[in-house]
Amino acid sequence: MKTILIVEDVAVNVELLVELLEDDYALIVADNGADGLAIAARARPDLILMDMSLPVLDGYEATQRLKADPALRHIPVIGLSAHAMRGDDRRALEHGCDAYLTKPLDERLLFDLLARYLGA
């Protein structure tokens, strides 16, 4: 079973993602970017769902650090954000995210991206 690390600080968003994914994936949760990085280094998940607005270390910086680490850079990161302004997606991609989704999440797009990065 593939493992997804969810880095999200809003409990209701975590609950939604867990509900959507728990039947098909092993899930690990971190509530800030620093813990997300530490867990990624330890657990080596197959994919990371990274909120961009996080305490301690935001998702932009956490993703940039993750992608700078040769041992972790292969892990796909899907950036998640409630910010839907022009350029927000570009900023996430420039910081190393492999893809970007806005909240509220379009479940179909989420599952399409999971299939793309993790296989069917």
Protein backbone atom coordinates (compact mmCIF):
# COMPACT_ATOMS: atom_id res chain seq x y z
CA MET A 1 0.00 0.00 0.00
CA LYS A 2 1.36 3.43 -0.95
CA THR A 3 1.93 5.97 1.81
CA ILE A 4 0.81 9.60 1.67
CA LEU A 5 2.04 12.24 4.10
CA ILE A 6 -0.61 14.91 4.71
CA VAL A 7 0.93 18.17 5.95
CA GLU A 8 -2.07 20.26 7.01
CA ASP A 9 -2.83 22.32 10.11
CA VAL A 10 -6.63 22.66 9.82
CA ALA A 11 -8.34 19.69 11.47
CA VAL A 12 -11.42 19.69 9.22
CA ASN A 13 -9.17 19.57 6.14
CA VAL A 14 -7.22 16.66 7.62
CA GLU A 15 -10.48 14.84 8.38
CA LEU A 16 -11.70 15.32 4.81
CA LEU A 17 -8.46 14.03 3.31
CA VAL A 18 -8.37 11.05 5.66
CA GLU A 19 -11.97 10.19 4.80
CA LEU A 20 -11.20 10.36 1.07
CA LEU A 21 -7.94 8.42 1.17
CA GLU A 22 -7.85 6.02 4.11
CA ASP A 23 -9.28 3.04 2.23
CA ASP A 24 -6.63 3.12 -0.49
CA TYR A 25 -3.50 4.56 1.15
CA ALA A 26 -1.52 4.43 4.36
CA LEU A 27 -1.67 7.95 5.79
CA ILE A 28 0.67 9.95 8.00
CA VAL A 29 -0.24 13.44 9.24
CA ALA A 30 1.87 16.43 10.26
CA ASP A 31 0.40 19.77 11.33
CA ASN A 32 3.31 22.05 10.39
CA GLY A 33 6.02 22.24 7.77
CA ALA A 34 8.92 21.47 10.11
CA ASP A 35 7.30 18.28 11.36
CA GLY A 36 6.35 17.41 7.79
CA LEU A 37 10.00 17.59 6.73
CA ALA A 38 11.14 15.49 9.68
CA ILE A 39 8.48 12.86 9.03
CA ALA A 40 9.26 12.78 5.31
CA ALA A 41 12.94 12.15 6.08
CA ARG A 42 12.06 9.36 8.48
CA ALA A 43 9.08 7.69 6.79
CA ARG A 44 9.92 8.30 3.09
CA PRO A 45 6.29 8.53 1.93
CA ASP A 46 5.36 7.88 -1.69
CA LEU A 47 3.68 11.30 -2.01
CA ILE A 48 3.11 14.42 0.07
CA LEU A 49 -0.02 16.58 0.17
CA MET A 50 1.40 19.90 1.38
CA ASP A 51 -0.71 22.82 2.55
CA MET A 52 1.06 26.04 1.61
CA SER A 53 -0.06 28.08 4.66
CA LEU A 54 1.42 26.27 7.63
CA PRO A 55 2.76 27.28 11.04
CA VAL A 56 6.43 26.97 12.02
CA LEU A 57 7.62 26.46 8.43
CA ASP A 58 5.26 27.24 5.56
CA GLY A 59 4.62 24.80 2.74
CA TYR A 60 6.68 26.79 0.25
CA GLU A 61 9.83 26.63 2.35
CA ALA A 62 9.18 23.04 3.45
CA THR A 63 8.80 21.93 -0.18
CA GLN A 64 11.89 23.86 -1.26
CA ARG A 65 13.96 22.20 1.47
CA LEU A 66 12.54 18.77 0.65
CA LYS A 67 13.37 19.15 -3.05
CA ALA A 68 16.90 20.34 -2.17
CA ASP A 69 17.57 17.07 -0.31
CA PRO A 70 18.89 14.40 -2.71
CA ALA A 71 17.35 11.65 -0.57
CA LEU A 72 13.86 13.21 -0.67
CA ARG A 73 13.60 15.18 -3.92
CA HIS A 74 12.02 12.26 -5.78
CA ILE A 75 8.89 12.39 -3.58
CA PRO A 76 6.04 14.07 -5.49
CA VAL A 77 4.53 17.04 -3.65
CA ILE A 78 1.02 18.25 -4.39
CA GLY A 79 0.59 21.75 -3.01
CA LEU A 80 -2.79 22.56 -1.48
CA SER A 81 -4.06 26.04 -0.77
CA ALA A 82 -7.19 28.11 -0.31
CA HIS A 83 -5.37 30.83 -2.24
CA ALA A 84 -6.68 30.92 -5.79
CA MET A 85 -5.24 34.22 -6.98
CA ARG A 86 -3.41 34.47 -10.26
CA GLY A 87 0.17 33.32 -9.76
CA ASP A 88 -0.39 31.25 -6.59
CA ASP A 89 -0.01 28.04 -8.55
CA ARG A 90 3.16 29.33 -10.24
CA ARG A 91 4.66 30.25 -6.86
CA ALA A 92 4.03 26.73 -5.53
CA LEU A 93 5.56 25.15 -8.63
CA GLU A 94 8.58 27.47 -8.41
CA HIS A 95 9.15 26.26 -4.84
CA GLY A 96 9.21 22.64 -6.01
CA CYS A 97 5.63 21.40 -5.91
CA ASP A 98 4.92 18.91 -8.68
CA ALA A 99 1.26 19.98 -8.84
CA TYR A 100 -1.09 22.44 -7.15
CA LEU A 101 -4.74 22.22 -6.14
CA THR A 102 -6.94 24.88 -4.62
CA LYS A 103 -9.36 24.33 -1.75
CA PRO A 104 -12.08 23.33 -1.59
CA LEU A 105 -10.58 20.35 -3.33
CA ASP A 106 -11.99 18.98 -6.54
CA GLU A 107 -11.95 15.27 -5.63
CA ARG A 108 -11.73 14.18 -9.26
CA LEU A 109 -8.62 16.31 -9.82
CA LEU A 110 -7.08 15.02 -6.59
CA PHE A 111 -7.61 11.40 -7.58
CA ASP A 112 -6.33 12.09 -11.12
CA LEU A 113 -3.11 13.48 -9.65
CA LEU A 114 -2.76 10.59 -7.21
CA ALA A 115 -3.15 8.14 -10.09
CA ARG A 116 -0.59 10.09 -12.12
CA TYR A 117 2.05 10.08 -9.38
CA LEU A 118 1.26 6.81 -7.59
CA GLY A 119 -0.21 4.63 -10.33
CA ALA A 120 -3.77 3.36 -10.65
